[in-house]
């Protein structure tokens, strides 16, 4: 029987989509979840796993040769709280790791992803680094209430451009690398959308697709921090990270696009307009039950990348 692919973060935005892609490719997958007995769509099996609990590692790694790895947002010290588990995976026989990294991680040594990439290069295992740009899904999570309820995009990105990417494209590229590790051995894919947009242009796309005016308000960093803390209720670490991401965009450092989606998948990546059209009901006015009419509340987390 073909050994299963272990998928960490199996209930998150990218991990759940990776499972769906693997199922479509006919590749058996084992979902790593927080609680034992938790069923996960698209997985042949689910196993309790915690990066900081060594007792959960043997059962997750048994019989696995390929693993999808990501850094949970709560893990900041990867040397202490992530890499020991990856080392245990290597000792258990895992030979190839597909890492959900970050666009530019090879040029930004201070981000945690850079330390994980460097360790994997020295590990003796083969690897594929999937380096996504900024997720379109952030418009459905961090900025959901701003767009849906206040019809604004209040981020401190100035006139800088951002290469938005659909998390489903990121998952599709990751799944190909998991299904065919030899073809993606020691490769880094920078996964972006087809174009880099200013937030003024994103607001225009939202306006056109939703049929209501959405304004880009262009606050400075102090204005964003006040909004993030007082209105959105973001914790300080998330507030600081997002301020840094938008500053990167303002400085013109988030605009790079690639053809990697087309190279790997043989099709164009999803653009922002198509994404908004697909997900438009998520921004419908909130109904009496706390969600848009006939539409469940979003459950994705849409990591910033």
Protein backbone atom coordinates (compact mmCIF):
# COMPACT_ATOMS: atom_id res chain seq x y z
CA UNK A 1 0.00 0.00 0.00
CA UNK A 2 1.26 3.48 -0.87
CA UNK A 3 2.53 5.30 2.27
CA UNK A 4 0.42 8.25 3.33
CA UNK A 5 1.50 11.87 3.06
CA UNK A 6 1.40 13.59 6.45
CA UNK A 7 -0.30 16.99 6.31
CA UNK A 8 0.26 19.38 9.19
CA UNK A 9 -2.21 22.21 9.68
CA UNK A 10 -4.83 19.95 8.13
CA UNK A 11 -7.83 22.00 9.28
CA UNK A 12 -6.41 25.38 8.24
CA UNK A 13 -6.82 27.37 5.05
CA UNK A 14 -3.95 25.84 3.10
CA UNK A 15 -3.76 22.46 4.83
CA UNK A 16 -7.40 21.60 4.21
CA UNK A 17 -7.00 22.58 0.56
CA UNK A 18 -3.85 20.45 0.30
CA UNK A 19 -5.86 17.47 1.54
CA UNK A 20 -8.52 18.09 -1.09
CA UNK A 21 -5.89 18.33 -3.84
CA UNK A 22 -4.17 15.13 -2.70
CA UNK A 23 -7.48 13.31 -2.71
CA UNK A 24 -8.12 14.51 -6.27
CA UNK A 25 -4.67 13.22 -7.25
CA UNK A 26 -5.37 9.84 -5.64
CA UNK A 27 -2.67 10.24 -2.98
CA UNK A 28 -3.50 8.88 0.50
CA UNK A 29 -3.09 11.50 3.23
CA UNK A 30 -2.83 11.45 7.00
CA UNK A 31 -4.15 14.60 8.67
CA UNK A 32 -2.35 15.91 11.74
CA UNK A 33 -4.99 17.34 14.09
CA UNK A 34 -5.09 18.69 17.63
CA UNK A 35 -7.55 16.13 19.01
CA UNK A 36 -7.67 12.38 18.55
CA UNK A 37 -10.78 11.06 16.85
CA UNK A 38 -11.28 14.22 14.82
CA UNK A 39 -12.51 13.45 11.31
CA UNK A 40 -11.02 15.53 8.50
CA UNK A 41 -12.45 15.74 4.99
CA UNK A 42 -10.10 14.44 2.32
CA UNK A 43 -7.88 12.46 4.69
CA UNK A 44 -7.64 8.69 4.74
CA UNK A 45 -6.91 8.96 8.45
CA UNK A 46 -6.38 11.57 11.15
CA UNK A 47 -3.90 11.46 14.01
CA UNK A 48 -3.43 13.65 17.06
CA UNK A 49 -0.26 15.72 16.71
CA UNK A 50 1.39 18.60 18.50
CA UNK A 51 4.73 20.07 17.47
CA UNK A 52 5.63 20.64 21.12
CA UNK A 53 4.47 17.24 22.44
CA UNK A 54 7.01 14.50 21.54
CA UNK A 55 4.61 11.77 22.69
CA UNK A 56 2.40 12.57 19.68
CA UNK A 57 5.18 12.29 17.11
CA UNK A 58 5.73 8.52 16.62
CA UNK A 59 2.13 7.79 15.67
CA UNK A 60 2.05 10.67 13.21
CA UNK A 61 5.35 9.83 11.51
CA UNK A 62 4.95 6.03 11.35
CA UNK A 63 5.15 4.83 7.76
CA UNK A 64 5.34 8.38 6.35
CA UNK A 65 7.90 9.29 3.69
CA UNK A 66 6.64 12.74 2.67
CA UNK A 67 5.33 15.57 4.86
CA UNK A 68 3.65 18.95 4.40
CA UNK A 69 5.08 21.31 7.00
CA UNK A 70 3.95 24.76 8.03
CA UNK A 71 4.72 27.05 10.93
CA UNK A 72 1.67 27.66 13.14
CA UNK A 73 1.25 31.39 13.82
CA UNK A 74 1.71 30.79 17.55
CA UNK A 75 5.19 29.32 17.02
CA UNK A 76 7.81 32.07 17.02
CA UNK A 77 10.82 30.12 18.28
CA UNK A 78 11.12 27.50 15.52
CA UNK A 79 14.39 26.11 16.84
CA UNK A 80 12.71 25.19 20.10
CA UNK A 81 9.12 24.49 19.07
CA UNK A 82 9.24 23.19 15.48
CA UNK A 83 12.60 21.85 14.35
CA UNK A 84 12.89 19.11 17.00
CA UNK A 85 9.71 17.56 15.59
CA UNK A 86 11.08 17.76 12.05
CA UNK A 87 14.30 16.10 13.22
CA UNK A 88 12.20 13.32 14.75
CA UNK A 89 10.38 12.95 11.44
CA UNK A 90 13.72 12.47 9.71
CA UNK A 91 14.73 9.80 12.21
CA UNK A 92 11.37 8.07 11.66
CA UNK A 93 12.01 7.81 7.91
CA UNK A 94 10.47 10.95 6.44
CA UNK A 95 12.64 11.74 3.42
CA UNK A 96 10.94 14.72 1.74
CA UNK A 97 9.42 17.85 3.29
CA UNK A 98 7.24 20.37 1.48
CA UNK A 99 7.48 23.57 3.50
CA UNK A 100 4.92 26.36 3.34
CA UNK A 101 7.36 29.23 3.53
CA UNK A 102 7.14 32.91 2.62
CA UNK A 103 7.85 35.01 -0.45
CA UNK A 104 11.35 36.41 -0.05
CA UNK A 105 12.30 34.13 2.86
CA UNK A 106 15.66 33.53 1.20
CA UNK A 107 16.34 37.29 1.36
CA UNK A 108 14.88 38.05 4.81
CA UNK A 109 16.93 36.16 7.41
CA UNK A 110 14.93 37.51 10.36
CA UNK A 111 11.69 35.69 9.48
CA UNK A 112 11.18 32.27 11.15
CA UNK A 113 10.68 30.61 7.75
CA UNK A 114 14.29 31.42 6.83
CA UNK A 115 15.58 29.42 9.79
CA UNK A 116 13.42 26.43 8.83
CA UNK A 117 14.59 26.61 5.21
CA UNK A 118 18.24 26.76 6.32
CA UNK A 119 17.79 23.75 8.61
CA UNK A 120 16.12 21.69 5.89
CA UNK A 121 18.94 22.46 3.46
CA UNK A 122 21.38 20.92 5.96
CA UNK A 123 19.10 18.11 7.13
CA UNK A 124 19.92 15.41 4.61
CA UNK A 125 16.26 15.25 3.61
CA UNK A 126 15.06 16.51 0.27
CA UNK A 127 12.74 19.50 0.31
CA UNK A 128 10.44 21.77 -1.65
CA UNK A 129 9.89 25.34 -0.48
CA UNK A 130 6.53 26.83 -1.46
CA UNK A 131 6.86 30.58 -0.95
CA UNK A 132 3.48 32.29 -1.37
CA UNK A 133 2.84 35.99 -1.67
CA UNK A 134 0.05 37.76 0.25
CA UNK A 135 -3.09 35.60 0.47
CA UNK A 136 -6.31 36.82 -1.14
CA UNK A 137 -8.00 35.07 1.79
CA UNK A 138 -6.87 37.87 4.12
CA UNK A 139 -9.70 39.87 2.59
CA UNK A 140 -12.04 37.22 4.03
CA UNK A 141 -10.47 37.09 7.48
CA UNK A 142 -8.53 40.08 8.79
CA UNK A 143 -10.44 42.51 6.57
CA UNK A 144 -13.82 40.80 6.43
CA UNK A 145 -15.66 43.18 8.76
CA UNK A 146 -13.97 46.26 7.29
CA UNK A 147 -15.17 45.39 3.79
CA UNK A 148 -18.54 43.88 4.69
CA UNK A 149 -19.69 46.27 7.42
CA UNK A 150 -17.71 49.48 6.91
CA UNK A 151 -16.95 49.28 3.16
CA UNK A 152 -13.33 50.32 3.67
CA UNK A 153 -9.81 48.94 3.30
CA UNK A 154 -7.82 50.77 5.98
CA UNK A 155 -4.26 49.45 5.55
CA UNK A 156 -0.99 51.43 5.60
CA UNK A 157 0.29 50.28 2.21
CA UNK A 158 0.32 53.67 0.49
CA UNK A 159 0.49 53.27 -3.27
CA UNK A 160 2.59 50.13 -3.13
CA UNK A 161 1.62 47.04 -5.08
CA UNK A 162 1.04 43.54 -3.70
CA UNK A 163 1.11 40.25 -5.62
CA UNK A 164 -2.00 38.64 -4.13
CA UNK A 165 -2.32 34.86 -4.41
CA UNK A 166 -5.24 32.49 -3.89
CA UNK A 167 -4.48 30.00 -1.12
CA UNK A 168 -6.05 27.30 -3.29
CA UNK A 169 -3.29 27.85 -5.86
CA UNK A 170 -0.72 27.59 -3.08
CA UNK A 171 -2.29 24.32 -1.96
CA UNK A 172 -2.38 22.95 -5.51
CA UNK A 173 1.33 23.60 -6.03
CA UNK A 174 2.11 22.08 -2.62
CA UNK A 175 0.07 18.97 -3.40
CA UNK A 176 1.92 18.41 -6.67
CA UNK A 177 5.22 18.54 -4.81
CA UNK A 178 3.89 16.07 -2.25
CA UNK A 179 2.55 13.72 -4.90
CA UNK A 180 5.70 13.86 -7.06
CA UNK A 181 8.59 14.64 -4.70
CA UNK A 182 11.29 13.54 -7.14
CA UNK A 183 10.10 16.12 -9.67
CA UNK A 184 10.22 18.90 -7.08
CA UNK A 185 13.31 17.81 -5.19
CA UNK A 186 15.29 20.73 -3.73
CA UNK A 187 13.17 23.30 -5.60
CA UNK A 188 11.72 26.57 -4.37
CA UNK A 189 8.46 27.79 -5.92
CA UNK A 190 7.40 31.39 -5.36
CA UNK A 191 3.66 31.19 -5.80
CA UNK A 192 1.95 34.46 -6.74
CA UNK A 193 -1.09 35.68 -8.58
CA UNK A 194 -0.84 36.98 -12.16
CA UNK A 195 -0.64 40.67 -11.22
CA UNK A 196 0.40 43.04 -8.46
CA UNK A 197 -2.30 45.49 -7.41
CA UNK A 198 -2.39 48.58 -5.27
CA UNK A 199 -4.98 48.57 -2.52
CA UNK A 200 -6.74 51.34 -4.43
CA UNK A 201 -7.12 48.83 -7.26
CA UNK A 202 -8.23 46.08 -4.86
CA UNK A 203 -10.91 48.41 -3.49
CA UNK A 204 -12.03 49.08 -7.07
CA UNK A 205 -12.27 45.32 -7.72
CA UNK A 206 -14.34 44.85 -4.56
CA UNK A 207 -16.57 47.76 -5.59
CA UNK A 208 -17.16 46.33 -9.04
CA UNK A 209 -17.78 42.76 -7.95
CA UNK A 210 -19.86 43.49 -4.83
CA UNK A 211 -21.89 46.31 -6.29
CA UNK A 212 -21.20 48.68 -3.39
CA UNK A 213 -18.45 51.27 -3.01
CA UNK A 214 -15.42 50.09 -1.04
CA UNK A 215 -12.88 52.82 -0.26
CA UNK A 216 -9.16 52.50 0.37
CA UNK A 217 -8.48 54.98 3.18
CA UNK A 218 -4.64 54.92 3.13
CA UNK A 219 -3.95 55.35 6.88
CA UNK A 220 -0.42 55.62 8.23
CA UNK A 221 1.03 52.95 10.49
CA UNK A 222 -0.21 54.67 13.70
CA UNK A 223 -3.73 54.84 12.25
CA UNK A 224 -3.60 51.15 11.32
CA UNK A 225 -2.38 50.19 14.79
CA UNK A 226 -5.26 52.08 16.43
CA UNK A 227 -7.78 50.48 14.05
CA UNK A 228 -6.31 46.98 14.43
CA UNK A 229 -6.36 47.17 18.22
CA UNK A 230 -9.54 49.12 18.94
CA UNK A 231 -11.83 48.12 16.08
CA UNK A 232 -10.58 44.72 14.92
CA UNK A 233 -9.35 43.54 18.31
CA UNK A 234 -6.13 42.09 16.92
CA UNK A 235 -3.53 41.05 19.50
CA UNK A 236 -0.34 43.08 19.61
CA UNK A 237 1.83 40.45 17.85
CA UNK A 238 -0.59 40.24 14.92
CA UNK A 239 -0.89 44.03 14.81
CA UNK A 240 2.87 44.42 14.58
CA UNK A 241 3.24 41.69 11.94
CA UNK A 242 0.53 43.16 9.72
CA UNK A 243 1.97 46.66 10.07
CA UNK A 244 5.30 45.28 8.88
CA UNK A 245 3.69 43.47 5.94
CA UNK A 246 1.87 46.60 4.77
CA UNK A 247 5.02 48.66 5.20
CA UNK A 248 6.79 46.19 2.95
CA UNK A 249 4.09 46.75 0.35
CA UNK A 250 4.33 50.53 0.73
CA UNK A 251 8.05 50.31 0.04
CA UNK A 252 7.45 48.36 -3.17
CA UNK A 253 8.87 45.07 -1.88
CA UNK A 254 5.71 42.93 -2.27
CA UNK A 255 5.07 43.43 -5.96
CA UNK A 256 7.07 40.60 -7.50
CA UNK A 257 5.14 38.08 -9.60
CA UNK A 258 6.25 34.76 -11.06
CA UNK A 259 5.08 32.14 -13.55
CA UNK A 260 5.52 29.31 -11.03
CA UNK A 261 1.81 28.44 -10.82
CA UNK A 262 1.69 28.01 -14.60
CA UNK A 263 4.97 26.05 -14.58
CA UNK A 264 3.74 23.57 -11.96
CA UNK A 265 0.02 23.38 -12.73
CA UNK A 266 -0.11 24.21 -16.44
CA UNK A 267 -2.72 26.94 -15.92
CA UNK A 268 -2.90 30.57 -14.94
CA UNK A 269 -3.19 31.50 -11.26
CA UNK A 270 -6.44 32.92 -9.94
CA UNK A 271 -6.57 36.72 -10.07
CA UNK A 272 -8.10 38.97 -7.42
CA UNK A 273 -11.26 39.70 -9.42
CA UNK A 274 -11.96 35.99 -9.92
CA UNK A 275 -11.33 35.34 -6.23
CA UNK A 276 -13.73 38.08 -5.14
CA UNK A 277 -16.35 36.85 -7.60
CA UNK A 278 -16.03 33.30 -6.25
CA UNK A 279 -16.26 34.37 -2.60
CA UNK A 280 -18.57 37.38 -2.94
CA UNK A 281 -21.28 35.99 -0.65
CA UNK A 282 -18.89 36.16 2.29
CA UNK A 283 -19.14 39.96 2.15
CA UNK A 284 -22.95 40.02 2.06
CA UNK A 285 -24.59 41.96 4.92
CA UNK A 286 -24.72 40.01 8.17
CA UNK A 287 -28.04 38.28 8.80
CA UNK A 288 -29.82 37.68 12.13
CA UNK A 289 -27.74 34.58 12.84
CA UNK A 290 -24.43 36.43 12.65
CA UNK A 291 -23.51 35.27 9.16
CA UNK A 292 -24.38 36.42 5.66
CA UNK A 293 -27.81 35.12 4.59
CA UNK A 294 -27.61 31.47 3.47
CA UNK A 295 -23.85 31.56 3.92
CA UNK A 296 -21.85 30.06 6.79
CA UNK A 297 -19.45 32.22 8.73
CA UNK A 298 -15.93 31.95 7.27
CA UNK A 299 -13.78 29.35 8.97
CA UNK A 300 -10.51 29.98 7.16
CA UNK A 301 -7.59 31.78 8.72
CA UNK A 302 -5.92 33.04 5.56
CA UNK A 303 -2.37 33.46 6.78
CA UNK A 304 -0.41 36.57 5.87
CA UNK A 305 2.54 35.68 3.66
